[in-house]
């Protein structure tokens, strides 16, 4: 595997592991409604006009959603 790709996968794994516990916590907003990552986040789509950096961030967000929330499963 290419070293840059391996590095990106390692960073993504750390991101997922670091974010997972907080995704399970329930927070109360100023309106009193409860919200979790999976309850409020949705997949993001990018445009051909987006930068490479933006597309990478969108892919990371969506990867977390796939692992934590089961996005894309049928």
PDB file of N, CA and C in Angstrom:
ATOM      1  N   UNK A   1       0.854  -1.178   0.000  1.00  0.00           N
ATOM      2  CA  UNK A   1       0.000   0.000   0.000  1.00  0.00           C
ATOM      3  C   UNK A   1       0.895   1.234   0.000  1.00  0.00           C
ATOM      4  N   UNK A   2       0.533   2.213  -0.742  1.00  0.00           N
ATOM      5  CA  UNK A   2       1.277   3.465  -0.842  1.00  0.00           C
ATOM      6  C   UNK A   2       1.346   4.143   0.527  1.00  0.00           C
ATOM      7  N   UNK A   3       2.505   4.706   0.887  1.00  0.00           N
ATOM      8  CA  UNK A   3       2.691   5.261   2.236  1.00  0.00           C
ATOM      9  C   UNK A   3       1.752   6.429   2.534  1.00  0.00           C
ATOM     10  N   UNK A   4       1.451   7.281   1.541  1.00  0.00           N
ATOM     11  CA  UNK A   4       0.508   8.390   1.777  1.00  0.00           C
ATOM     12  C   UNK A   4      -0.882   7.849   2.062  1.00  0.00           C
ATOM     13  N   UNK A   5      -1.297   6.854   1.316  1.00  0.00           N
ATOM     14  CA  UNK A   5      -2.619   6.264   1.523  1.00  0.00           C
ATOM     15  C   UNK A   5      -2.678   5.602   2.896  1.00  0.00           C
ATOM     16  N   UNK A   6      -1.609   4.914   3.281  1.00  0.00           N
ATOM     17  CA  UNK A   6      -1.542   4.275   4.587  1.00  0.00           C
ATOM     18  C   UNK A   6      -1.635   5.320   5.695  1.00  0.00           C
ATOM     19  N   UNK A   7      -0.939   6.437   5.498  1.00  0.00           N
ATOM     20  CA  UNK A   7      -0.963   7.524   6.474  1.00  0.00           C
ATOM     21  C   UNK A   7      -2.363   8.112   6.607  1.00  0.00           C
ATOM     22  N   UNK A   8      -3.042   8.316   5.503  1.00  0.00           N
ATOM     23  CA  UNK A   8      -4.401   8.851   5.528  1.00  0.00           C
ATOM     24  C   UNK A   8      -5.351   7.881   6.215  1.00  0.00           C
ATOM     25  N   UNK A   9      -5.173   6.583   5.953  1.00  0.00           N
ATOM     26  CA  UNK A   9      -6.015   5.583   6.606  1.00  0.00           C
ATOM     27  C   UNK A   9      -5.762   5.563   8.114  1.00  0.00           C
ATOM     28  N   UNK A  10      -4.506   5.722   8.512  1.00  0.00           N
ATOM     29  CA  UNK A  10      -4.185   5.755   9.939  1.00  0.00           C
ATOM     30  C   UNK A  10      -4.828   6.967  10.594  1.00  0.00           C
ATOM     31  N   UNK A  11      -4.755   8.127   9.942  1.00  0.00           N
ATOM     32  CA  UNK A  11      -5.368   9.341  10.484  1.00  0.00           C
ATOM     33  C   UNK A  11      -6.883   9.178  10.580  1.00  0.00           C
ATOM     34  N   UNK A  12      -7.484   8.571   9.570  1.00  0.00           N
ATOM     35  CA  UNK A  12      -8.922   8.353   9.576  1.00  0.00           C
ATOM     36  C   UNK A  12      -9.321   7.407  10.701  1.00  0.00           C
ATOM     37  N   UNK A  13      -8.534   6.372  10.921  1.00  0.00           N
ATOM     38  CA  UNK A  13      -8.819   5.438  12.008  1.00  0.00           C
ATOM     39  C   UNK A  13      -8.775   6.134  13.352  1.00  0.00           C
ATOM     40  N   UNK A  14      -7.783   6.991  13.540  1.00  0.00           N
ATOM     41  CA  UNK A  14      -7.674   7.749  14.786  1.00  0.00           C
ATOM     42  C   UNK A  14      -8.872   8.665  14.932  1.00  0.00           C
ATOM     43  N   UNK A  15      -9.274   9.320  13.854  1.00  0.00           N
ATOM     44  CA  UNK A  15     -10.434  10.205  13.885  1.00  0.00           C
ATOM     45  C   UNK A  15     -11.689   9.439  14.293  1.00  0.00           C
ATOM     46  N   UNK A  16     -11.886   8.281  13.717  1.00  0.00           N
ATOM     47  CA  UNK A  16     -13.077   7.486  14.025  1.00  0.00           C
ATOM     48  C   UNK A  16     -13.041   7.036  15.484  1.00  0.00           C
ATOM     49  N   UNK A  17     -11.902   6.530  15.926  1.00  0.00           N
ATOM     50  CA  UNK A  17     -11.801   6.065  17.305  1.00  0.00           C
ATOM     51  C   UNK A  17     -11.955   7.205  18.304  1.00  0.00           C
ATOM     52  N   UNK A  18     -11.405   8.364  17.981  1.00  0.00           N
ATOM     53  CA  UNK A  18     -11.506   9.507  18.889  1.00  0.00           C
ATOM     54  C   UNK A  18     -12.925  10.059  18.937  1.00  0.00           C
ATOM     55  N   UNK A  19     -13.618  10.007  17.825  1.00  0.00           N
ATOM     56  CA  UNK A  19     -14.951  10.601  17.761  1.00  0.00           C
ATOM     57  C   UNK A  19     -16.053   9.664  18.231  1.00  0.00           C
ATOM     58  N   UNK A  20     -15.835   8.381  18.167  1.00  0.00           N
ATOM     59  CA  UNK A  20     -16.890   7.416  18.469  1.00  0.00           C
ATOM     60  C   UNK A  20     -17.504   7.579  19.853  1.00  0.00           C
ATOM     61  N   UNK A  21     -16.718   7.707  20.945  1.00  0.00           N
ATOM     62  CA  UNK A  21     -17.379   7.853  22.252  1.00  0.00           C
ATOM     63  C   UNK A  21     -18.281   9.075  22.328  1.00  0.00           C
ATOM     64  N   UNK A  22     -17.871  10.185  21.750  1.00  0.00           N
ATOM     65  CA  UNK A  22     -18.701  11.387  21.826  1.00  0.00           C
ATOM     66  C   UNK A  22     -19.952  11.264  20.969  1.00  0.00           C
ATOM     67  N   UNK A  23     -19.933  10.402  19.966  1.00  0.00           N
ATOM     68  CA  UNK A  23     -21.111  10.228  19.130  1.00  0.00           C
ATOM     69  C   UNK A  23     -22.227   9.552  19.901  1.00  0.00           C
ATOM     70  N   UNK A  24     -21.866   8.802  20.916  1.00  0.00           N
ATOM     71  CA  UNK A  24     -22.855   8.072  21.688  1.00  0.00           C
ATOM     72  C   UNK A  24     -23.428   8.911  22.826  1.00  0.00           C
ATOM     73  N   UNK A  25     -22.776  10.015  23.153  1.00  0.00           N
ATOM     74  CA  UNK A  25     -23.256  10.857  24.229  1.00  0.00           C
ATOM     75  C   UNK A  25     -24.397  11.718  23.728  1.00  0.00           C
ATOM     76  N   UNK A  26     -25.352  11.924  24.581  1.00  0.00           N
ATOM     77  CA  UNK A  26     -26.483  12.776  24.244  1.00  0.00           C
ATOM     78  C   UNK A  26     -26.238  14.155  24.825  1.00  0.00           C
ATOM     79  N   UNK A  27     -26.431  15.168  24.017  1.00  0.00           N
ATOM     80  CA  UNK A  27     -26.270  16.536  24.502  1.00  0.00           C
ATOM     81  C   UNK A  27     -27.606  17.244  24.382  1.00  0.00           C
ATOM     82  N   UNK A  28     -27.801  18.205  25.223  1.00  0.00           N
ATOM     83  CA  UNK A  28     -29.031  18.971  25.183  1.00  0.00           C
ATOM     84  C   UNK A  28     -28.703  20.371  24.687  1.00  0.00           C
ATOM     85  N   UNK A  29     -29.330  20.773  23.623  1.00  0.00           N
ATOM     86  CA  UNK A  29     -29.120  22.110  23.088  1.00  0.00           C
ATOM     87  C   UNK A  29     -29.922  23.136  23.866  1.00  0.00           C
ATOM     88  N   UNK A  30     -29.824  24.389  23.474  1.00  0.00           N
ATOM     89  CA  UNK A  30     -30.520  25.459  24.196  1.00  0.00           C
ATOM     90  C   UNK A  30     -32.038  25.294  24.148  1.00  0.00           C
ATOM     91  N   UNK A  31     -32.521  24.583  23.133  1.00  0.00           N
ATOM     92  CA  UNK A  31     -33.960  24.348  23.030  1.00  0.00           C
ATOM     93  C   UNK A  31     -34.421  23.129  23.808  1.00  0.00           C
ATOM     94  N   UNK A  32     -33.478  22.435  24.450  1.00  0.00           N
ATOM     95  CA  UNK A  32     -33.837  21.273  25.243  1.00  0.00           C
ATOM     96  C   UNK A  32     -33.938  19.988  24.443  1.00  0.00           C
ATOM     97  N   UNK A  33     -33.652  20.020  23.159  1.00  0.00           N
ATOM     98  CA  UNK A  33     -33.740  18.800  22.365  1.00  0.00           C
ATOM     99  C   UNK A  33     -32.448  18.002  22.487  1.00  0.00           C
ATOM    100  N   UNK A  34     -32.570  16.692  22.459  1.00  0.00           N
ATOM    101  CA  UNK A  34     -31.407  15.823  22.556  1.00  0.00           C
ATOM    102  C   UNK A  34     -30.889  15.534  21.159  1.00  0.00           C
ATOM    103  N   UNK A  35     -29.556  15.488  21.027  1.00  0.00           N
ATOM    104  CA  UNK A  35     -28.953  15.291  19.718  1.00  0.00           C
ATOM    105  C   UNK A  35     -27.692  14.458  19.848  1.00  0.00           C
ATOM    106  N   UNK A  36     -27.531  13.464  19.008  1.00  0.00           N
ATOM    107  CA  UNK A  36     -26.307  12.691  18.914  1.00  0.00           C
ATOM    108  C   UNK A  36     -25.779  12.876  17.496  1.00  0.00           C
ATOM    109  N   UNK A  37     -24.539  12.464  17.253  1.00  0.00           N
ATOM    110  CA  UNK A  37     -23.977  12.592  15.911  1.00  0.00           C
ATOM    111  C   UNK A  37     -24.874  11.913  14.891  1.00  0.00           C
ATOM    112  N   UNK A  38     -25.229  10.668  15.165  1.00  0.00           N
ATOM    113  CA  UNK A  38     -26.034   9.907  14.208  1.00  0.00           C
ATOM    114  C   UNK A  38     -27.448  10.472  14.067  1.00  0.00           C
ATOM    115  N   UNK A  39     -27.929  11.132  15.102  1.00  0.00           N
ATOM    116  CA  UNK A  39     -29.259  11.722  15.035  1.00  0.00           C
ATOM    117  C   UNK A  39     -29.297  13.015  14.243  1.00  0.00           C
ATOM    118  N   UNK A  40     -28.165  13.699  14.163  1.00  0.00           N
ATOM    119  CA  UNK A  40     -28.165  15.002  13.515  1.00  0.00           C
ATOM    120  C   UNK A  40     -27.349  15.095  12.242  1.00  0.00           C
ATOM    121  N   UNK A  41     -26.310  14.268  12.124  1.00  0.00           N
ATOM    122  CA  UNK A  41     -25.430  14.348  10.952  1.00  0.00           C
ATOM    123  C   UNK A  41     -26.016  13.565   9.788  1.00  0.00           C
ATOM    124  N   UNK A  42     -25.702  14.000   8.624  1.00  0.00           N
ATOM    125  CA  UNK A  42     -26.128  13.329   7.388  1.00  0.00           C
ATOM    126  C   UNK A  42     -24.935  13.246   6.443  1.00  0.00           C
ATOM    127  N   UNK A  43     -24.958  12.315   5.490  1.00  0.00           N
ATOM    128  CA  UNK A  43     -23.877  12.264   4.504  1.00  0.00           C
ATOM    129  C   UNK A  43     -23.785  13.595   3.755  1.00  0.00           C
ATOM    130  N   UNK A  44     -22.568  13.937   3.365  1.00  0.00           N
ATOM    131  CA  UNK A  44     -22.317  15.175   2.632  1.00  0.00           C
ATOM    132  C   UNK A  44     -21.872  14.791   1.225  1.00  0.00           C
ATOM    133  N   UNK A  45     -22.296  15.540   0.255  1.00  0.00           N
ATOM    134  CA  UNK A  45     -21.908  15.317  -1.129  1.00  0.00           C
ATOM    135  C   UNK A  45     -21.061  16.494  -1.585  1.00  0.00           C
ATOM    136  N   UNK A  46     -20.101  16.231  -2.450  1.00  0.00           N
ATOM    137  CA  UNK A  46     -19.240  17.303  -2.928  1.00  0.00           C
ATOM    138  C   UNK A  46     -19.504  17.572  -4.394  1.00  0.00           C
ATOM    139  N   UNK A  47     -19.000  18.713  -4.814  1.00  0.00           N
ATOM    140  CA  UNK A  47     -19.158  19.173  -6.186  1.00  0.00           C
ATOM    141  C   UNK A  47     -17.800  19.119  -6.882  1.00  0.00           C
ATOM    142  N   UNK A  48     -17.820  19.065  -8.174  1.00  0.00           N
ATOM    143  CA  UNK A  48     -16.563  19.106  -8.928  1.00  0.00           C
ATOM    144  C   UNK A  48     -15.861  20.452  -8.733  1.00  0.00           C
ATOM    145  N   UNK A  49     -16.577  21.443  -8.236  1.00  0.00           N
ATOM    146  CA  UNK A  49     -15.996  22.760  -7.979  1.00  0.00           C
ATOM    147  C   UNK A  49     -15.283  22.822  -6.623  1.00  0.00           C
ATOM    148  N   UNK A  50     -15.483  21.815  -5.757  1.00  0.00           N
ATOM    149  CA  UNK A  50     -14.844  21.796  -4.447  1.00  0.00           C
ATOM    150  C   UNK A  50     -13.356  21.516  -4.583  1.00  0.00           C
ATOM    151  N   UNK A  51     -12.585  21.980  -3.594  1.00  0.00           N
ATOM    152  CA  UNK A  51     -11.152  21.734  -3.586  1.00  0.00           C
ATOM    153  C   UNK A  51     -10.868  20.300  -3.172  1.00  0.00           C
ATOM    154  N   UNK A  52      -9.674  19.848  -3.459  1.00  0.00           N
ATOM    155  CA  UNK A  52      -9.250  18.514  -3.065  1.00  0.00           C
ATOM    156  C   UNK A  52      -9.321  18.370  -1.551  1.00  0.00           C
ATOM    157  N   UNK A  53      -8.924  19.414  -0.820  1.00  0.00           N
ATOM    158  CA  UNK A  53      -8.967  19.376   0.641  1.00  0.00           C
ATOM    159  C   UNK A  53     -10.404  19.226   1.149  1.00  0.00           C
ATOM    160  N   UNK A  54     -11.325  19.980   0.559  1.00  0.00           N
ATOM    161  CA  UNK A  54     -12.730  19.896   0.961  1.00  0.00           C
ATOM    162  C   UNK A  54     -13.285  18.503   0.689  1.00  0.00           C
ATOM    163  N   UNK A  55     -12.982  17.957  -0.460  1.00  0.00           N
ATOM    164  CA  UNK A  55     -13.463  16.619  -0.809  1.00  0.00           C
ATOM    165  C   UNK A  55     -12.903  15.589   0.172  1.00  0.00           C
ATOM    166  N   UNK A  56     -11.643  15.732   0.564  1.00  0.00           N
ATOM    167  CA  UNK A  56     -11.049  14.828   1.545  1.00  0.00           C
ATOM    168  C   UNK A  56     -11.758  14.904   2.888  1.00  0.00           C
ATOM    169  N   UNK A  57     -12.110  16.121   3.319  1.00  0.00           N
ATOM    170  CA  UNK A  57     -12.818  16.296   4.578  1.00  0.00           C
ATOM    171  C   UNK A  57     -14.226  15.696   4.505  1.00  0.00           C
ATOM    172  N   UNK A  58     -14.874  15.850   3.383  1.00  0.00           N
ATOM    173  CA  UNK A  58     -16.205  15.271   3.196  1.00  0.00           C
ATOM    174  C   UNK A  58     -16.121  13.745   3.261  1.00  0.00           C
ATOM    175  N   UNK A  59     -15.110  13.176   2.621  1.00  0.00           N
ATOM    176  CA  UNK A  59     -14.940  11.721   2.647  1.00  0.00           C
ATOM    177  C   UNK A  59     -14.692  11.225   4.066  1.00  0.00           C
ATOM    178  N   UNK A  60     -13.910  11.969   4.848  1.00  0.00           N
ATOM    179  CA  UNK A  60     -13.663  11.581   6.238  1.00  0.00           C
ATOM    180  C   UNK A  60     -14.958  11.626   7.045  1.00  0.00           C
ATOM    181  N   UNK A  61     -15.733  12.684   6.878  1.00  0.00           N
ATOM    182  CA  UNK A  61     -17.024  12.808   7.575  1.00  0.00           C
ATOM    183  C   UNK A  61     -17.918  11.619   7.227  1.00  0.00           C
ATOM    184  N   UNK A  62     -18.014  11.314   5.949  1.00  0.00           N
ATOM    185  CA  UNK A  62     -18.872  10.219   5.504  1.00  0.00           C
ATOM    186  C   UNK A  62     -18.361   8.864   5.988  1.00  0.00           C
ATOM    187  N   UNK A  63     -17.037   8.701   6.079  1.00  0.00           N
ATOM    188  CA  UNK A  63     -16.478   7.447   6.585  1.00  0.00           C
ATOM    189  C   UNK A  63     -16.841   7.243   8.056  1.00  0.00           C
ATOM    190  N   UNK A  64     -16.806   8.314   8.836  1.00  0.00           N
ATOM    191  CA  UNK A  64     -17.216   8.225  10.239  1.00  0.00           C
ATOM    192  C   UNK A  64     -18.690   7.830  10.310  1.00  0.00           C
ATOM    193  N   UNK A  65     -19.519   8.448   9.485  1.00  0.00           N
ATOM    194  CA  UNK A  65     -20.941   8.114   9.463  1.00  0.00           C
ATOM    195  C   UNK A  65     -21.203   6.663   9.077  1.00  0.00           C
ATOM    196  N   UNK A  66     -20.393   6.139   8.157  1.00  0.00           N
ATOM    197  CA  UNK A  66     -20.562   4.733   7.762  1.00  0.00           C
ATOM    198  C   UNK A  66     -20.265   3.804   8.919  1.00  0.00           C
ATOM    199  N   UNK A  67     -19.192   4.105   9.650  1.00  0.00           N
ATOM    200  CA  UNK A  67     -18.790   3.242  10.763  1.00  0.00           C
ATOM    201  C   UNK A  67     -19.735   3.410  11.951  1.00  0.00           C
ATOM    202  N   UNK A  68     -19.989   4.655  12.332  1.00  0.00           N
ATOM    203  CA  UNK A  68     -20.742   4.920  13.562  1.00  0.00           C
ATOM    204  C   UNK A  68     -22.254   4.781  13.394  1.00  0.00           C
ATOM    205  N   UNK A  69     -22.753   5.128  12.212  1.00  0.00           N
ATOM    206  CA  UNK A  69     -24.203   5.210  12.030  1.00  0.00           C
ATOM    207  C   UNK A  69     -24.742   4.208  11.013  1.00  0.00           C
ATOM    208  N   UNK A  70     -23.872   3.498  10.332  1.00  0.00           N
ATOM    209  CA  UNK A  70     -24.325   2.509   9.361  1.00  0.00           C
ATOM    210  C   UNK A  70     -24.791   3.094   8.042  1.00  0.00           C
ATOM    211  N   UNK A  71     -24.315   4.303   7.711  1.00  0.00           N
ATOM    212  CA  UNK A  71     -24.712   4.898   6.433  1.00  0.00           C
ATOM    213  C   UNK A  71     -24.310   3.988   5.292  1.00  0.00           C
ATOM    214  N   UNK A  72     -25.180   3.858   4.318  1.00  0.00           N
ATOM    215  CA  UNK A  72     -24.866   3.078   3.117  1.00  0.00           C
ATOM    216  C   UNK A  72     -25.216   1.607   3.231  1.00  0.00           C
ATOM    217  N   UNK A  73     -25.657   1.175   4.397  1.00  0.00           N
ATOM    218  CA  UNK A  73     -26.048  -0.228   4.548  1.00  0.00           C
ATOM    219  C   UNK A  73     -27.503  -0.380   4.100  1.00  0.00           C
ATOM    220  N   UNK A  74     -27.772  -1.467   3.440  1.00  0.00           N
ATOM    221  CA  UNK A  74     -29.148  -1.690   2.981  1.00  0.00           C
ATOM    222  C   UNK A  74     -29.809  -2.774   3.763  1.00  0.00           C
TER     223      UNK A  74
END
